[in-house]
Amino acid sequence: VALVDMVNTTISASSDASSECPLRDNVSTHNNGGEFNWNTVEEANVLSSFYYGYMCTQLIGGYAATRLGGRLVYGLGVLIPGLLTFLTPFAAYLGVGYLIACRTVMGVLEGVTCPAWSVMMGLWVPAAEHSTLWTIATSGAIFGNVFTQPIVGYLCSLPLWRGWPLGFYITGLATLVWFCFWYFMAADSPEKSKSISTKELQYIKHNTRVNKIIPPVPWREILTSRAFIAILPAHVACVGIGFGIMSCLPLYLSNVQNFDITANGALSALPWIMSFTTTVAVGFISDWLIDRKYLNTVLTRTST
């Protein structure tokens, strides 16, 4: 959303201008006068640079979390990109190349987070509650879009510092506050937690399966597994659609539909409201189906 307000869309979208959605009398064009005269290729590079970095550290993140602990790896994987988010306006003023480099580094560092919390979930989550707690945890990222996009849209409309840097500054500082809580409250495993009760610890240990000795990774068996081959294109499509909506929907609402930046932020959050709702609901339903023995674990996972 902030990128929409950063870029002078009267220039960047001039080659794609369409009369199908003309400006309406009741719609402000605040976002058309952005500071940066980037073309569409430069915009695309800025948006995609994060994901190029993000995909490079997935395997590294899982390995690091098993060796160093998910708490540290996940915490730093959120904290450092958060600090770089705070510095994003400065990188943008230095030049589009600096901004692309900044976002690439953010992606590289944040790429460890998903594997790290996957390692932690394996140590913390009992088998009977796997779907419920897993979806609650993953829905936090979705809720972040629901919460921040309308706020960033509103901040962009403010005259202070031209509006758009405020979103980067506030989310960057919020990450620092979050890390303070995370560092002192989170634990790599139930055994290392200072706040867990003895009863809960015994319940988790009894209902989770953790290998004390990490065996070699059977790469050939994984890569030739029918289950892996089946889920790979489905996951690529799912993630591609999600990242595409996250990156391109605000641009579409601005450049094609001509919504102002405040409405843009609110409308961009709508798909994530439905995603958050269905993600949490499916988790509860999946565990309920397994617990009542209506479906086994394999059928439940493949059907949902």
Protein backbone atom coordinates (compact mmCIF):
# COMPACT_ATOMS: atom_id res chain seq x y z
CA VAL A 1 0.00 0.00 0.00
CA ALA A 2 2.81 2.40 0.86
CA LEU A 3 4.47 1.72 -2.50
CA VAL A 4 1.35 3.00 -4.24
CA ASP A 5 1.71 6.31 -2.44
CA MET A 6 5.48 6.49 -3.00
CA VAL A 7 5.32 6.31 -6.78
CA ASN A 8 4.10 9.00 -9.15
CA THR A 9 1.41 6.86 -10.76
CA THR A 10 0.66 9.45 -13.43
CA ILE A 11 4.05 8.49 -14.89
CA SER A 12 4.46 4.82 -13.93
CA ALA A 13 1.00 3.85 -15.16
CA SER A 14 0.85 6.12 -18.21
CA SER A 15 1.56 3.31 -20.65
CA ASP A 16 -1.15 1.15 -19.11
CA ALA A 17 -3.76 3.85 -18.67
CA SER A 18 -7.29 2.75 -19.38
CA SER A 19 -10.60 4.56 -19.72
CA GLU A 20 -12.57 1.56 -18.50
CA CYS A 21 -12.52 2.86 -14.92
CA PRO A 22 -12.53 6.67 -15.18
CA LEU A 23 -11.98 8.86 -12.15
CA ARG A 24 -15.06 9.42 -10.04
CA ASP A 25 -16.02 12.77 -8.60
CA ASN A 26 -15.98 11.47 -5.03
CA VAL A 27 -12.58 9.80 -5.22
CA SER A 28 -9.44 11.61 -4.15
CA THR A 29 -6.28 11.25 -6.23
CA HIS A 30 -3.89 11.86 -3.34
CA ASN A 31 -1.69 8.94 -4.34
CA ASN A 32 -1.05 10.17 -7.91
CA GLY A 33 1.59 12.67 -6.84
CA GLY A 34 4.16 10.31 -5.37
CA GLU A 35 7.77 11.34 -4.95
CA PHE A 36 9.42 8.69 -7.11
CA ASN A 37 9.17 8.60 -10.90
CA TRP A 38 9.72 4.87 -11.25
CA ASN A 39 8.49 2.99 -14.29
CA THR A 40 6.54 -0.25 -14.06
CA VAL A 41 9.66 -2.40 -14.43
CA GLU A 42 11.32 -0.67 -11.48
CA GLU A 43 8.13 -1.05 -9.43
CA ALA A 44 8.03 -4.75 -10.26
CA ASN A 45 11.68 -5.16 -9.25
CA VAL A 46 11.05 -3.40 -5.94
CA LEU A 47 8.07 -5.66 -5.20
CA SER A 48 9.68 -8.93 -6.30
CA SER A 49 13.11 -8.37 -4.74
CA PHE A 50 11.85 -9.40 -1.30
CA TYR A 51 10.60 -12.76 -2.58
CA TYR A 52 13.82 -13.53 -4.45
CA GLY A 53 15.65 -13.21 -1.15
CA TYR A 54 12.92 -15.00 0.80
CA MET A 55 13.11 -18.22 -1.20
CA CYS A 56 16.88 -18.56 -0.74
CA THR A 57 16.93 -19.29 2.99
CA GLN A 58 14.09 -21.77 3.54
CA LEU A 59 16.33 -24.80 3.97
CA ILE A 60 18.93 -22.81 5.87
CA GLY A 61 16.26 -21.60 8.30
CA GLY A 62 15.16 -25.10 9.21
CA TYR A 63 18.73 -26.31 9.69
CA ALA A 64 19.65 -23.27 11.80
CA ALA A 65 16.56 -23.69 13.98
CA THR A 66 17.36 -27.32 14.76
CA ARG A 67 20.94 -26.39 15.69
CA LEU A 68 20.55 -22.99 17.35
CA GLY A 69 16.93 -23.12 18.50
CA GLY A 70 13.80 -21.74 16.90
CA ARG A 71 13.47 -18.92 19.43
CA LEU A 72 16.68 -17.20 18.37
CA VAL A 73 16.40 -17.88 14.64
CA TYR A 74 12.77 -16.83 14.42
CA GLY A 75 13.32 -13.78 16.64
CA LEU A 76 16.23 -12.46 14.59
CA GLY A 77 14.41 -13.35 11.38
CA VAL A 78 11.66 -10.94 12.39
CA LEU A 79 13.72 -8.30 14.22
CA ILE A 80 16.36 -7.51 11.58
CA PRO A 81 13.88 -7.25 8.68
CA GLY A 82 11.79 -5.04 10.97
CA LEU A 83 14.72 -2.72 11.47
CA LEU A 84 15.33 -2.70 7.71
CA THR A 85 11.65 -1.82 7.27
CA PHE A 86 12.30 1.24 9.43
CA LEU A 87 15.22 2.14 7.13
CA THR A 88 13.26 1.57 3.92
CA PRO A 89 12.39 5.26 3.34
CA PHE A 90 16.07 6.18 3.62
CA ALA A 91 16.97 3.47 1.06
CA ALA A 92 14.26 4.75 -1.28
CA TYR A 93 15.63 8.30 -1.13
CA LEU A 94 19.11 6.98 -1.93
CA GLY A 95 17.82 5.35 -5.10
CA VAL A 96 15.75 2.48 -6.44
CA GLY A 97 18.80 0.20 -6.50
CA TYR A 98 19.38 0.71 -2.80
CA LEU A 99 15.71 -0.01 -2.10
CA ILE A 100 15.84 -3.24 -4.11
CA ALA A 101 18.98 -4.30 -2.23
CA CYS A 102 17.33 -3.48 1.11
CA ARG A 103 14.24 -5.51 0.30
CA THR A 104 16.33 -8.43 -0.98
CA VAL A 105 18.25 -8.57 2.31
CA MET A 106 14.94 -8.37 4.17
CA GLY A 107 13.71 -11.39 2.23
CA VAL A 108 16.89 -13.37 2.86
CA LEU A 109 16.65 -12.79 6.61
CA GLU A 110 12.90 -13.26 6.88
CA GLY A 111 13.07 -16.47 4.87
CA VAL A 112 14.23 -18.35 7.97
CA THR A 113 11.09 -17.55 9.96
CA CYS A 114 8.67 -20.10 8.50
CA PRO A 115 11.08 -23.05 8.88
CA ALA A 116 12.03 -21.86 12.37
CA TRP A 117 8.50 -21.76 13.72
CA SER A 118 7.82 -25.10 12.01
CA VAL A 119 10.62 -26.57 14.14
CA MET A 120 9.15 -24.96 17.27
CA MET A 121 5.64 -26.19 16.46
CA GLY A 122 6.95 -29.73 16.15
CA LEU A 123 8.29 -29.50 19.71
CA TRP A 124 5.31 -27.71 21.25
CA VAL A 125 2.13 -28.95 19.57
CA PRO A 126 0.45 -32.24 20.60
CA ALA A 127 -0.66 -34.43 17.71
CA ALA A 128 -4.38 -34.12 18.56
CA GLU A 129 -4.20 -30.31 18.40
CA HIS A 130 -1.91 -30.05 15.41
CA SER A 131 -4.35 -28.58 12.88
CA THR A 132 -5.95 -26.14 15.32
CA LEU A 133 -2.78 -24.68 16.79
CA TRP A 134 -0.93 -24.72 13.48
CA THR A 135 -3.62 -22.68 11.74
CA ILE A 136 -3.92 -20.27 14.67
CA ALA A 137 -0.18 -19.66 14.51
CA THR A 138 -0.08 -19.21 10.73
CA SER A 139 -3.17 -16.99 10.76
CA GLY A 140 -1.17 -14.37 12.65
CA ALA A 141 0.59 -13.40 9.42
CA ILE A 142 -2.76 -13.16 7.67
CA PHE A 143 -4.23 -11.05 10.46
CA GLY A 144 -1.22 -8.76 10.10
CA ASN A 145 -2.43 -7.87 6.60
CA VAL A 146 -5.97 -7.32 7.86
CA PHE A 147 -4.70 -5.01 10.57
CA THR A 148 -1.89 -3.08 8.91
CA GLN A 149 -3.13 -2.41 5.39
CA PRO A 150 -6.00 -0.08 6.38
CA ILE A 151 -3.74 1.61 8.95
CA VAL A 152 -0.96 2.14 6.42
CA GLY A 153 -3.50 3.47 3.95
CA TYR A 154 -4.66 6.02 6.50
CA LEU A 155 -1.09 6.97 7.45
CA CYS A 156 -0.28 7.57 3.79
CA SER A 157 -3.07 10.13 3.63
CA LEU A 158 -1.52 12.23 6.41
CA PRO A 159 0.58 15.30 5.54
CA LEU A 160 3.34 14.46 8.07
CA TRP A 161 6.52 13.48 6.17
CA ARG A 162 4.33 13.03 3.08
CA GLY A 163 2.51 10.18 4.81
CA TRP A 164 4.01 7.03 3.30
CA PRO A 165 7.19 6.79 5.45
CA LEU A 166 5.03 6.59 8.59
CA GLY A 167 3.94 3.06 7.75
CA PHE A 168 7.55 1.89 7.58
CA TYR A 169 8.57 3.73 10.74
CA ILE A 170 5.68 2.49 12.87
CA THR A 171 5.82 -1.15 11.75
CA GLY A 172 9.60 -1.15 12.19
CA LEU A 173 9.32 0.16 15.76
CA ALA A 174 6.49 -2.28 16.48
CA THR A 175 8.80 -5.13 15.50
CA LEU A 176 11.35 -3.95 18.06
CA VAL A 177 8.69 -3.93 20.79
CA TRP A 178 7.51 -7.39 19.73
CA PHE A 179 11.06 -8.77 19.90
CA CYS A 180 11.43 -7.65 23.52
CA PHE A 181 8.37 -9.71 24.49
CA TRP A 182 9.39 -12.62 22.29
CA TYR A 183 12.94 -12.84 23.64
CA PHE A 184 11.88 -12.98 27.28
CA MET A 185 8.67 -15.00 26.94
CA ALA A 186 9.31 -17.55 24.16
CA ALA A 187 11.17 -20.84 24.57
CA ASP A 188 12.65 -23.29 22.10
CA SER A 189 10.83 -26.23 23.68
CA PRO A 190 8.45 -26.95 26.59
CA GLU A 191 11.37 -28.17 28.70
CA LYS A 192 13.05 -24.76 28.43
CA SER A 193 9.94 -22.72 29.20
CA LYS A 194 9.87 -20.85 32.53
CA SER A 195 6.11 -20.41 32.62
CA ILE A 196 4.79 -23.87 31.75
CA SER A 197 3.11 -25.96 34.44
CA THR A 198 4.25 -29.49 35.25
CA LYS A 199 0.90 -30.89 34.13
CA GLU A 200 1.05 -29.15 30.77
CA LEU A 201 4.67 -30.16 30.25
CA GLN A 202 3.85 -33.82 30.84
CA TYR A 203 0.86 -33.61 28.51
CA ILE A 204 2.94 -32.13 25.68
CA LYS A 205 5.79 -34.61 26.14
CA HIS A 206 3.34 -37.51 26.17
CA ASN A 207 1.55 -36.38 23.00
CA THR A 208 4.44 -35.26 20.79
CA ARG A 209 7.00 -37.34 18.97
CA VAL A 210 10.45 -35.77 18.96
CA ASN A 211 13.58 -37.46 17.67
CA LYS A 212 16.45 -36.83 20.06
CA ILE A 213 18.93 -37.81 17.35
CA ILE A 214 18.45 -36.01 14.03
CA PRO A 215 18.78 -38.59 11.21
CA PRO A 216 20.20 -37.79 7.76
CA VAL A 217 17.69 -36.16 5.44
CA PRO A 218 16.47 -38.70 2.82
CA TRP A 219 16.55 -36.22 -0.07
CA ARG A 220 16.04 -38.77 -2.83
CA GLU A 221 13.04 -40.33 -1.12
CA ILE A 222 11.52 -36.90 -0.51
CA LEU A 223 12.04 -35.58 -4.04
CA THR A 224 10.65 -38.76 -5.64
CA SER A 225 7.73 -39.13 -3.24
CA ARG A 226 4.32 -38.98 -4.91
CA ALA A 227 3.01 -36.93 -2.00
CA PHE A 228 5.77 -34.34 -2.44
CA ILE A 229 5.28 -34.19 -6.22
CA ALA A 230 1.54 -33.73 -5.72
CA ILE A 231 1.75 -31.01 -3.08
CA LEU A 232 4.54 -29.00 -4.72
CA PRO A 233 2.52 -27.43 -7.58
CA ALA A 234 -0.46 -26.91 -5.26
CA HIS A 235 1.69 -25.07 -2.74
CA VAL A 236 3.41 -23.01 -5.45
CA ALA A 237 0.02 -21.96 -6.80
CA CYS A 238 -1.37 -21.15 -3.36
CA VAL A 239 1.63 -19.10 -2.26
CA GLY A 240 1.92 -17.44 -5.67
CA ILE A 241 -1.68 -16.28 -5.53
CA GLY A 242 -1.28 -15.04 -1.96
CA PHE A 243 1.90 -13.09 -2.66
CA GLY A 244 0.40 -11.81 -5.91
CA ILE A 245 -2.64 -10.42 -4.12
CA MET A 246 -0.45 -8.91 -1.43
CA SER A 247 1.81 -7.15 -3.94
CA CYS A 248 -0.41 -6.35 -6.89
CA LEU A 249 -3.90 -5.72 -5.51
CA PRO A 250 -3.04 -2.25 -4.10
CA LEU A 251 -1.50 -1.29 -7.46
CA TYR A 252 -4.59 -2.48 -9.31
CA LEU A 253 -6.94 -0.61 -7.02
CA SER A 254 -4.91 2.56 -7.54
CA ASN A 255 -3.85 2.45 -11.18
CA VAL A 256 -6.95 0.82 -12.67
CA GLN A 257 -9.82 1.37 -10.26
CA ASN A 258 -8.58 4.84 -9.19
CA PHE A 259 -9.30 4.43 -5.47
CA ASP A 260 -7.63 6.86 -3.13
CA ILE A 261 -4.97 5.59 -0.76
CA THR A 262 -7.23 5.32 2.31
CA ALA A 263 -9.87 3.28 0.48
CA ASN A 264 -7.09 1.28 -1.15
CA GLY A 265 -5.77 0.14 2.22
CA ALA A 266 -9.21 -0.89 3.44
CA LEU A 267 -10.12 -2.76 0.26
CA SER A 268 -6.74 -4.50 0.10
CA ALA A 269 -7.46 -6.01 3.51
CA LEU A 270 -10.74 -7.67 2.46
CA PRO A 271 -9.27 -10.87 0.92
CA TRP A 272 -7.21 -11.38 4.07
CA ILE A 273 -10.28 -11.13 6.29
CA MET A 274 -11.78 -14.12 4.49
CA SER A 275 -8.43 -15.92 4.48
CA PHE A 276 -8.04 -15.42 8.24
CA THR A 277 -11.58 -16.65 8.92
CA THR A 278 -11.35 -19.78 6.80
CA THR A 279 -7.82 -20.65 7.95
CA VAL A 280 -8.80 -20.73 11.62
CA ALA A 281 -12.10 -22.49 10.91
CA VAL A 282 -10.47 -25.23 8.83
CA GLY A 283 -7.99 -25.94 11.62
CA PHE A 284 -10.74 -26.53 14.17
CA ILE A 285 -12.79 -28.59 11.72
CA SER A 286 -9.80 -30.76 10.78
CA ASP A 287 -8.99 -31.67 14.38
CA TRP A 288 -12.68 -32.31 15.07
CA LEU A 289 -12.93 -34.71 12.11
CA ILE A 290 -9.82 -36.59 13.26
CA ASP A 291 -10.86 -36.66 16.92
CA ARG A 292 -14.33 -38.03 16.06
CA LYS A 293 -12.70 -40.51 13.66
CA TYR A 294 -14.84 -39.37 10.73
CA LEU A 295 -11.65 -39.08 8.68
CA ASN A 296 -8.10 -40.18 9.31
CA THR A 297 -5.20 -37.75 9.33
CA VAL A 298 -4.17 -38.36 5.71
CA LEU A 299 -7.67 -37.87 4.29
CA THR A 300 -8.21 -34.77 6.41
CA ARG A 301 -4.97 -33.16 5.29
CA THR A 302 -5.53 -33.91 1.61
CA SER A 303 -9.17 -32.77 1.60
CA THR A 304 -8.53 -29.47 3.37
